[in-house]
Amino acid sequence: MLQQELLSRTSLETQKLDLMTEVSELKLKLVGMEKEQREQEEKQKKAESVLNVIGELQQQVCRLQLDIHRQIQERLSLSRDHPEEVAADDGAARPQPCGQECARWEGSPELLQELRHLKIKVEELENERNQYEWKLKATKAEVAQLQEQVALKDAEI
């Protein structure tokens, strides 16, 4: 009878140690997932800041295009020695809000190419941000699941 009690206690201690090991492993995994989540959040913040910078650069490029267009019109008008055209062109070349007018402007091919390149880069960064958001959601779900498992194992112990 004493031997049976000793065997039973040994078995329970072994189970307890196994559960404690499993809880420790789950806690380590949880810490790793939380670290990964923080890293994903940092990457997302960086991607958002890059998108903001790109947006600002696009606006600057648009303003530069409009300014260049205005200066070209002024020089053309001055070179023709027709001051009345300078006044007429001034109204047409007044900066407009950046948008389709900016994209339709047929000015410097280099600037238009740069604008296209920036738009492509923005799209790529937005896609990357979407992927990070998806990974972040998946990580959060997995962290919640691991927290549940840890709580269950703690309750068992």
N, C-alpha and C. Protein backbone atom coordinates (compact mmCIF):
# COMPACT_ATOMS: atom_id res chain seq x y z
N MET A 1 0.83 -1.19 0.00
CA MET A 1 0.00 0.00 0.00
C MET A 1 0.87 1.25 0.00
N LEU A 2 1.91 1.25 0.83
CA LEU A 2 2.83 2.38 0.87
C LEU A 2 3.55 2.54 -0.46
N GLN A 3 3.91 1.41 -1.03
CA GLN A 3 4.60 1.43 -2.32
C GLN A 3 3.68 1.98 -3.41
N GLN A 4 2.41 1.63 -3.34
CA GLN A 4 1.44 2.13 -4.32
C GLN A 4 1.26 3.64 -4.17
N GLU A 5 1.22 4.12 -2.92
CA GLU A 5 1.10 5.56 -2.66
C GLU A 5 2.34 6.30 -3.18
N LEU A 6 3.51 5.74 -2.97
CA LEU A 6 4.75 6.33 -3.44
C LEU A 6 4.78 6.38 -4.97
N LEU A 7 4.34 5.32 -5.59
CA LEU A 7 4.27 5.26 -7.05
C LEU A 7 3.29 6.30 -7.59
N SER A 8 2.16 6.44 -6.92
CA SER A 8 1.15 7.41 -7.32
C SER A 8 1.70 8.84 -7.20
N ARG A 9 2.37 9.13 -6.10
CA ARG A 9 2.96 10.47 -5.91
C ARG A 9 4.04 10.75 -6.94
N THR A 10 4.85 9.76 -7.22
CA THR A 10 5.90 9.92 -8.22
C THR A 10 5.28 10.23 -9.59
N SER A 11 4.24 9.51 -9.90
CA SER A 11 3.54 9.74 -11.18
C SER A 11 2.97 11.15 -11.23
N LEU A 12 2.36 11.59 -10.12
CA LEU A 12 1.80 12.94 -10.06
C LEU A 12 2.90 14.00 -10.18
N GLU A 13 4.02 13.77 -9.52
CA GLU A 13 5.14 14.71 -9.61
C GLU A 13 5.66 14.79 -11.04
N THR A 14 5.75 13.64 -11.68
CA THR A 14 6.20 13.61 -13.08
C THR A 14 5.23 14.39 -13.96
N GLN A 15 3.93 14.19 -13.76
CA GLN A 15 2.93 14.93 -14.53
C GLN A 15 3.04 16.43 -14.25
N LYS A 16 3.25 16.76 -12.98
CA LYS A 16 3.38 18.17 -12.60
C LYS A 16 4.59 18.79 -13.30
N LEU A 17 5.72 18.08 -13.29
CA LEU A 17 6.92 18.58 -13.95
C LEU A 17 6.70 18.73 -15.46
N ASP A 18 6.02 17.78 -16.06
CA ASP A 18 5.72 17.86 -17.49
C ASP A 18 4.86 19.09 -17.79
N LEU A 19 3.85 19.29 -16.94
CA LEU A 19 2.98 20.46 -17.14
C LEU A 19 3.75 21.76 -16.95
N MET A 20 4.61 21.79 -15.95
CA MET A 20 5.40 23.00 -15.72
C MET A 20 6.34 23.26 -16.90
N THR A 21 6.91 22.21 -17.45
CA THR A 21 7.77 22.34 -18.62
C THR A 21 6.97 22.89 -19.80
N GLU A 22 5.78 22.35 -19.98
CA GLU A 22 4.93 22.80 -21.08
C GLU A 22 4.52 24.26 -20.90
N VAL A 23 4.19 24.64 -19.66
CA VAL A 23 3.84 26.04 -19.38
C VAL A 23 5.03 26.94 -19.68
N SER A 24 6.22 26.51 -19.26
CA SER A 24 7.43 27.31 -19.52
C SER A 24 7.65 27.47 -21.03
N GLU A 25 7.49 26.40 -21.76
CA GLU A 25 7.64 26.46 -23.22
C GLU A 25 6.62 27.40 -23.84
N LEU A 26 5.37 27.31 -23.36
CA LEU A 26 4.33 28.19 -23.87
C LEU A 26 4.61 29.66 -23.52
N LYS A 27 5.12 29.90 -22.33
CA LYS A 27 5.47 31.27 -21.95
C LYS A 27 6.59 31.81 -22.82
N LEU A 28 7.59 30.96 -23.09
CA LEU A 28 8.68 31.38 -23.98
C LEU A 28 8.16 31.68 -25.37
N LYS A 29 7.27 30.82 -25.84
CA LYS A 29 6.69 31.03 -27.16
C LYS A 29 5.87 32.32 -27.18
N LEU A 30 5.16 32.57 -26.10
CA LEU A 30 4.36 33.80 -25.99
C LEU A 30 5.26 35.03 -26.02
N VAL A 31 6.36 34.99 -25.29
CA VAL A 31 7.30 36.12 -25.28
C VAL A 31 7.86 36.33 -26.69
N GLY A 32 8.19 35.25 -27.36
CA GLY A 32 8.69 35.35 -28.73
C GLY A 32 7.66 35.96 -29.67
N MET A 33 6.41 35.54 -29.52
CA MET A 33 5.35 36.08 -30.37
C MET A 33 5.10 37.55 -30.07
N GLU A 34 5.18 37.94 -28.79
CA GLU A 34 5.00 39.34 -28.44
C GLU A 34 6.13 40.19 -29.01
N LYS A 35 7.34 39.65 -28.98
CA LYS A 35 8.48 40.36 -29.58
C LYS A 35 8.27 40.52 -31.08
N GLU A 36 7.84 39.45 -31.71
CA GLU A 36 7.57 39.50 -33.16
C GLU A 36 6.47 40.51 -33.45
N GLN A 37 5.46 40.55 -32.60
CA GLN A 37 4.37 41.51 -32.78
C GLN A 37 4.88 42.94 -32.68
N ARG A 38 5.74 43.20 -31.69
CA ARG A 38 6.31 44.55 -31.56
C ARG A 38 7.13 44.91 -32.80
N GLU A 39 7.90 43.94 -33.29
CA GLU A 39 8.71 44.20 -34.49
C GLU A 39 7.82 44.50 -35.70
N GLN A 40 6.72 43.75 -35.82
CA GLN A 40 5.79 44.00 -36.92
C GLN A 40 5.16 45.38 -36.80
N GLU A 41 4.82 45.77 -35.58
CA GLU A 41 4.24 47.09 -35.37
C GLU A 41 5.24 48.18 -35.72
N GLU A 42 6.52 47.97 -35.36
CA GLU A 42 7.57 48.94 -35.70
C GLU A 42 7.71 49.04 -37.22
N LYS A 43 7.70 47.89 -37.89
CA LYS A 43 7.81 47.90 -39.35
C LYS A 43 6.63 48.63 -39.97
N GLN A 44 5.45 48.41 -39.41
CA GLN A 44 4.27 49.08 -39.93
C GLN A 44 4.38 50.59 -39.75
N LYS A 45 4.85 51.01 -38.58
CA LYS A 45 5.02 52.45 -38.33
C LYS A 45 6.03 53.04 -39.31
N LYS A 46 7.13 52.30 -39.56
CA LYS A 46 8.13 52.77 -40.51
C LYS A 46 7.52 52.87 -41.90
N ALA A 47 6.74 51.86 -42.29
CA ALA A 47 6.12 51.88 -43.62
C ALA A 47 5.16 53.06 -43.74
N GLU A 48 4.40 53.34 -42.67
CA GLU A 48 3.49 54.47 -42.71
C GLU A 48 4.25 55.79 -42.82
N SER A 49 5.37 55.89 -42.11
CA SER A 49 6.14 57.13 -42.19
C SER A 49 6.74 57.29 -43.58
N VAL A 50 7.18 56.17 -44.18
CA VAL A 50 7.70 56.23 -45.55
C VAL A 50 6.60 56.66 -46.51
N LEU A 51 5.41 56.14 -46.31
CA LEU A 51 4.28 56.54 -47.16
C LEU A 51 3.99 58.03 -47.00
N ASN A 52 4.08 58.53 -45.79
CA ASN A 52 3.86 59.96 -45.58
C ASN A 52 4.92 60.79 -46.30
N VAL A 53 6.17 60.34 -46.21
CA VAL A 53 7.26 61.05 -46.88
C VAL A 53 7.05 61.02 -48.39
N ILE A 54 6.65 59.87 -48.90
CA ILE A 54 6.43 59.75 -50.34
C ILE A 54 5.29 60.66 -50.77
N GLY A 55 4.23 60.72 -49.97
CA GLY A 55 3.12 61.62 -50.28
C GLY A 55 3.57 63.07 -50.33
N GLU A 56 4.40 63.45 -49.36
CA GLU A 56 4.93 64.81 -49.36
C GLU A 56 5.80 65.05 -50.58
N LEU A 57 6.62 64.06 -50.93
CA LEU A 57 7.48 64.20 -52.12
C LEU A 57 6.64 64.33 -53.39
N GLN A 58 5.56 63.57 -53.47
CA GLN A 58 4.69 63.68 -54.63
C GLN A 58 4.11 65.08 -54.74
N GLN A 59 3.71 65.65 -53.62
CA GLN A 59 3.18 67.01 -53.64
C GLN A 59 4.26 68.00 -54.06
N GLN A 60 5.48 67.80 -53.58
CA GLN A 60 6.57 68.69 -53.97
C GLN A 60 6.85 68.57 -55.47
N VAL A 61 6.84 67.34 -55.98
CA VAL A 61 7.08 67.13 -57.41
C VAL A 61 5.99 67.83 -58.22
N CYS A 62 4.76 67.72 -57.76
CA CYS A 62 3.65 68.37 -58.46
C CYS A 62 3.84 69.89 -58.46
N ARG A 63 4.19 70.44 -57.30
CA ARG A 63 4.41 71.89 -57.23
C ARG A 63 5.57 72.31 -58.14
N LEU A 64 6.64 71.49 -58.14
CA LEU A 64 7.78 71.79 -59.01
C LEU A 64 7.38 71.75 -60.48
N GLN A 65 6.57 70.77 -60.85
CA GLN A 65 6.11 70.67 -62.24
C GLN A 65 5.33 71.91 -62.62
N LEU A 66 4.44 72.33 -61.75
CA LEU A 66 3.64 73.52 -62.03
C LEU A 66 4.51 74.76 -62.11
N ASP A 67 5.49 74.86 -61.21
CA ASP A 67 6.40 76.00 -61.21
C ASP A 67 7.25 76.01 -62.48
N ILE A 68 7.76 74.86 -62.87
CA ILE A 68 8.55 74.76 -64.11
C ILE A 68 7.69 75.14 -65.31
N HIS A 69 6.48 74.64 -65.33
CA HIS A 69 5.56 74.96 -66.43
C HIS A 69 5.33 76.47 -66.49
N ARG A 70 5.12 77.09 -65.33
CA ARG A 70 4.90 78.54 -65.28
C ARG A 70 6.14 79.28 -65.78
N GLN A 71 7.33 78.86 -65.34
CA GLN A 71 8.56 79.52 -65.75
C GLN A 71 8.80 79.37 -67.25
N ILE A 72 8.51 78.19 -67.78
CA ILE A 72 8.67 77.98 -69.23
C ILE A 72 7.74 78.90 -69.99
N GLN A 73 6.51 78.99 -69.52
CA GLN A 73 5.55 79.87 -70.20
C GLN A 73 6.01 81.32 -70.15
N GLU A 74 6.53 81.73 -69.01
CA GLU A 74 7.03 83.10 -68.88
C GLU A 74 8.20 83.36 -69.82
N ARG A 75 9.13 82.43 -69.89
CA ARG A 75 10.30 82.60 -70.77
C ARG A 75 9.89 82.62 -72.23
N LEU A 76 8.95 81.74 -72.58
CA LEU A 76 8.48 81.75 -73.96
C LEU A 76 7.82 83.08 -74.29
N SER A 77 7.05 83.57 -73.38
CA SER A 77 6.36 84.84 -73.61
C SER A 77 7.36 85.98 -73.70
N LEU A 78 8.35 85.98 -72.82
CA LEU A 78 9.34 87.05 -72.83
C LEU A 78 10.21 86.97 -74.09
N SER A 79 10.51 85.76 -74.52
CA SER A 79 11.35 85.63 -75.71
C SER A 79 10.63 86.10 -76.96
N ARG A 80 9.36 86.05 -76.96
CA ARG A 80 8.57 86.52 -78.11
C ARG A 80 8.33 88.03 -78.05
N ASP A 81 8.71 88.62 -76.92
CA ASP A 81 8.50 90.05 -76.70
C ASP A 81 7.03 90.44 -76.84
N HIS A 82 6.19 89.62 -76.23
CA HIS A 82 4.76 89.92 -76.19
C HIS A 82 4.32 89.97 -74.74
N PRO A 83 4.41 91.13 -74.14
CA PRO A 83 4.05 91.23 -72.73
C PRO A 83 2.60 90.88 -72.44
N GLU A 84 1.71 91.04 -73.41
CA GLU A 84 0.31 90.72 -73.16
C GLU A 84 0.11 89.22 -72.97
N GLU A 85 0.97 88.40 -73.58
CA GLU A 85 0.87 86.95 -73.39
C GLU A 85 1.34 86.54 -72.00
N VAL A 86 2.32 87.28 -71.45
CA VAL A 86 2.81 86.96 -70.11
C VAL A 86 1.66 87.09 -69.12
N ALA A 87 0.88 88.16 -69.27
CA ALA A 87 -0.24 88.36 -68.36
C ALA A 87 -1.30 87.29 -68.55
N ALA A 88 -1.55 86.90 -69.82
CA ALA A 88 -2.57 85.87 -70.08
C ALA A 88 -2.10 84.51 -69.56
N ASP A 89 -0.84 84.18 -69.74
CA ASP A 89 -0.32 82.89 -69.30
C ASP A 89 -0.23 82.80 -67.79
N ASP A 90 -0.05 83.94 -67.14
CA ASP A 90 0.06 83.94 -65.69
C ASP A 90 -1.16 83.31 -65.03
N GLY A 91 -2.34 83.62 -65.55
CA GLY A 91 -3.56 83.06 -64.99
C GLY A 91 -3.66 81.57 -65.25
N ALA A 92 -3.22 81.13 -66.41
CA ALA A 92 -3.32 79.71 -66.75
C ALA A 92 -2.29 78.88 -65.98
N ALA A 93 -1.17 79.50 -65.65
CA ALA A 93 -0.10 78.74 -65.00
C ALA A 93 -0.17 78.82 -63.48
N ARG A 94 -1.19 79.47 -62.95
CA ARG A 94 -1.32 79.58 -61.49
C ARG A 94 -1.40 78.17 -60.90
N PRO A 95 -0.65 77.91 -59.83
CA PRO A 95 -0.65 76.56 -59.26
C PRO A 95 -2.05 76.10 -58.87
N GLN A 96 -2.33 74.86 -59.24
CA GLN A 96 -3.62 74.24 -58.95
C GLN A 96 -3.39 73.12 -57.96
N PRO A 97 -4.45 72.66 -57.32
CA PRO A 97 -4.27 71.54 -56.41
C PRO A 97 -3.72 70.33 -57.16
N CYS A 98 -2.83 69.64 -56.51
CA CYS A 98 -2.21 68.48 -57.14
C CYS A 98 -3.27 67.40 -57.37
N GLY A 99 -3.31 66.86 -58.53
CA GLY A 99 -4.31 65.85 -58.86
C GLY A 99 -4.16 65.46 -60.31
N GLN A 100 -5.31 65.31 -60.99
CA GLN A 100 -5.27 64.89 -62.38
C GLN A 100 -4.62 65.95 -63.27
N GLU A 101 -4.78 67.23 -62.91
CA GLU A 101 -4.16 68.28 -63.70
C GLU A 101 -2.65 68.08 -63.73
N CYS A 102 -2.11 67.68 -62.59
CA CYS A 102 -0.68 67.46 -62.47
C CYS A 102 -0.25 66.29 -63.37
N ALA A 103 -1.03 65.23 -63.36
CA ALA A 103 -0.69 64.05 -64.14
C ALA A 103 -0.82 64.32 -65.63
N ARG A 104 -1.73 65.21 -66.01
CA ARG A 104 -1.95 65.49 -67.44
C ARG A 104 -0.90 66.43 -68.02
N TRP A 105 -0.19 67.12 -67.14
CA TRP A 105 0.77 68.11 -67.62
C TRP A 105 1.85 67.43 -68.43
N GLU A 106 2.09 67.92 -69.61
CA GLU A 106 3.06 67.29 -70.51
C GLU A 106 4.37 68.07 -70.47
N GLY A 107 5.00 68.11 -69.32
CA GLY A 107 6.23 68.86 -69.15
C GLY A 107 7.44 67.96 -69.29
N SER A 108 8.33 68.09 -68.36
CA SER A 108 9.59 67.38 -68.37
C SER A 108 9.36 65.87 -68.26
N PRO A 109 9.85 65.10 -69.22
CA PRO A 109 9.68 63.63 -69.15
C PRO A 109 10.39 63.03 -67.92
N GLU A 110 11.49 63.65 -67.50
CA GLU A 110 12.20 63.13 -66.34
C GLU A 110 11.35 63.25 -65.07
N LEU A 111 10.69 64.40 -64.93
CA LEU A 111 9.85 64.59 -63.75
C LEU A 111 8.65 63.67 -63.77
N LEU A 112 8.06 63.50 -64.95
CA LEU A 112 6.93 62.58 -65.06
C LEU A 112 7.35 61.15 -64.75
N GLN A 113 8.53 60.78 -65.24
CA GLN A 113 9.04 59.44 -64.97
C GLN A 113 9.29 59.26 -63.47
N GLU A 114 9.85 60.27 -62.84
CA GLU A 114 10.08 60.22 -61.40
C GLU A 114 8.77 60.10 -60.64
N LEU A 115 7.76 60.85 -61.09
CA LEU A 115 6.44 60.77 -60.45
C LEU A 115 5.86 59.37 -60.59
N ARG A 116 5.97 58.79 -61.77
CA ARG A 116 5.48 57.41 -61.97
C ARG A 116 6.21 56.44 -61.06
N HIS A 117 7.53 56.64 -60.97
CA HIS A 117 8.34 55.78 -60.11
C HIS A 117 7.89 55.89 -58.66
N LEU A 118 7.64 57.13 -58.21
CA LEU A 118 7.18 57.33 -56.83
C LEU A 118 5.81 56.71 -56.60
N LYS A 119 4.92 56.80 -57.58
CA LYS A 119 3.60 56.19 -57.44
C LYS A 119 3.71 54.68 -57.31
N ILE A 120 4.58 54.08 -58.11
CA ILE A 120 4.79 52.63 -58.04
C ILE A 120 5.35 52.26 -56.67
N LYS A 121 6.29 53.06 -56.18
CA LYS A 121 6.88 52.80 -54.86
C LYS A 121 5.82 52.90 -53.77
N VAL A 122 4.93 53.88 -53.89
CA VAL A 122 3.84 54.03 -52.91
C VAL A 122 2.96 52.79 -52.93
N GLU A 123 2.62 52.31 -54.11
CA GLU A 123 1.78 51.11 -54.22
C GLU A 123 2.48 49.91 -53.59
N GLU A 124 3.78 49.77 -53.85
CA GLU A 124 4.53 48.66 -53.27
C GLU A 124 4.53 48.75 -51.74
N LEU A 125 4.75 49.96 -51.23
CA LEU A 125 4.77 50.13 -49.78
C LEU A 125 3.40 49.89 -49.16
N GLU A 126 2.34 50.29 -49.86
CA GLU A 126 1.00 50.02 -49.35
C GLU A 126 0.72 48.53 -49.32
N ASN A 127 1.16 47.81 -50.35
CA ASN A 127 1.01 46.35 -50.35
C ASN A 127 1.79 45.72 -49.20
N GLU A 128 3.00 46.21 -48.98
CA GLU A 128 3.82 45.69 -47.89
C GLU A 128 3.15 45.98 -46.54
N ARG A 129 2.59 47.18 -46.40
CA ARG A 129 1.90 47.53 -45.16
C ARG A 129 0.71 46.61 -44.94
N ASN A 130 -0.04 46.33 -46.02
CA ASN A 130 -1.19 45.42 -45.90
C ASN A 130 -0.74 44.04 -45.44
N GLN A 131 0.40 43.57 -45.98
CA GLN A 131 0.92 42.27 -45.56
C GLN A 131 1.31 42.29 -44.08
N TYR A 132 1.94 43.39 -43.64
CA TYR A 132 2.31 43.50 -42.24
C TYR A 132 1.07 43.52 -41.35
N GLU A 133 0.03 44.22 -41.80
CA GLU A 133 -1.20 44.27 -41.01
C GLU A 133 -1.81 42.88 -40.90
N TRP A 134 -1.80 42.13 -42.00
CA TRP A 134 -2.34 40.77 -41.98
C TRP A 134 -1.53 39.90 -41.02
N LYS A 135 -0.20 40.00 -41.10
CA LYS A 135 0.66 39.21 -40.21
C LYS A 135 0.43 39.61 -38.75
N LEU A 136 0.25 40.91 -38.53
CA LEU A 136 0.01 41.40 -37.17
C LEU A 136 -1.27 40.83 -36.60
N LYS A 137 -2.34 40.80 -37.40
CA LYS A 137 -3.61 40.23 -36.95
C LYS A 137 -3.45 38.75 -36.62
N ALA A 138 -2.74 38.03 -37.50
CA ALA A 138 -2.52 36.61 -37.26
C ALA A 138 -1.69 36.40 -35.99
N THR A 139 -0.69 37.23 -35.80
CA THR A 139 0.14 37.12 -34.61
C THR A 139 -0.66 37.41 -33.35
N LYS A 140 -1.51 38.43 -33.40
CA LYS A 140 -2.35 38.75 -32.25
C LYS A 140 -3.27 37.59 -31.90
N ALA A 141 -3.84 36.96 -32.92
CA ALA A 141 -4.71 35.81 -32.68
C ALA A 141 -3.93 34.67 -32.05
N GLU A 142 -2.73 34.43 -32.55
CA GLU A 142 -1.92 33.35 -32.01
C GLU A 142 -1.49 33.65 -30.57
N VAL A 143 -1.16 34.92 -30.29
CA VAL A 143 -0.79 35.31 -28.93
C VAL A 143 -1.96 35.09 -27.98
N ALA A 144 -3.15 35.46 -28.41
CA ALA A 144 -4.34 35.25 -27.58
C ALA A 144 -4.55 33.76 -27.30
N GLN A 145 -4.36 32.95 -28.33
CA GLN A 145 -4.50 31.50 -28.16
C GLN A 145 -3.46 30.96 -27.18
N LEU A 146 -2.23 31.44 -27.31
CA LEU A 146 -1.18 30.98 -26.40
C LEU A 146 -1.45 31.43 -24.97
N GLN A 147 -1.98 32.64 -24.81
CA GLN A 147 -2.32 33.10 -23.47
C GLN A 147 -3.40 32.23 -22.85
N GLU A 148 -4.37 31.82 -23.66
CA GLU A 148 -5.41 30.90 -23.18
C GLU A 148 -4.80 29.59 -22.73
N GLN A 149 -3.90 29.05 -23.56
CA GLN A 149 -3.27 27.78 -23.22
C GLN A 149 -2.47 27.90 -21.93
N VAL A 150 -1.74 29.01 -21.77
CA VAL A 150 -0.96 29.22 -20.55
C VAL A 150 -1.90 29.28 -19.34
N ALA A 151 -3.00 29.99 -19.48
CA ALA A 151 -3.95 30.09 -18.38
C ALA A 151 -4.52 28.72 -18.02
N LEU A 152 -4.84 27.93 -19.04
CA LEU A 152 -5.35 26.57 -18.79
C LEU A 152 -4.31 25.70 -18.08
N LYS A 153 -3.08 25.78 -18.54
CA LYS A 153 -2.01 24.97 -17.93
C LYS A 153 -1.75 25.43 -16.50
N ASP A 154 -1.78 26.74 -16.28
CA ASP A 154 -1.61 27.25 -14.91
C ASP A 154 -2.74 26.73 -14.01
N ALA A 155 -3.94 26.71 -14.55
CA ALA A 155 -5.07 26.22 -13.77
C ALA A 155 -4.90 24.72 -13.46
N GLU A 156 -4.38 23.97 -14.41
CA GLU A 156 -4.16 22.54 -14.20
C GLU A 156 -3.14 22.32 -13.10
N ILE A 157 -2.11 23.16 -13.09
CA ILE A 157 -1.04 22.99 -12.09
C ILE A 157 -1.59 23.38 -10.74
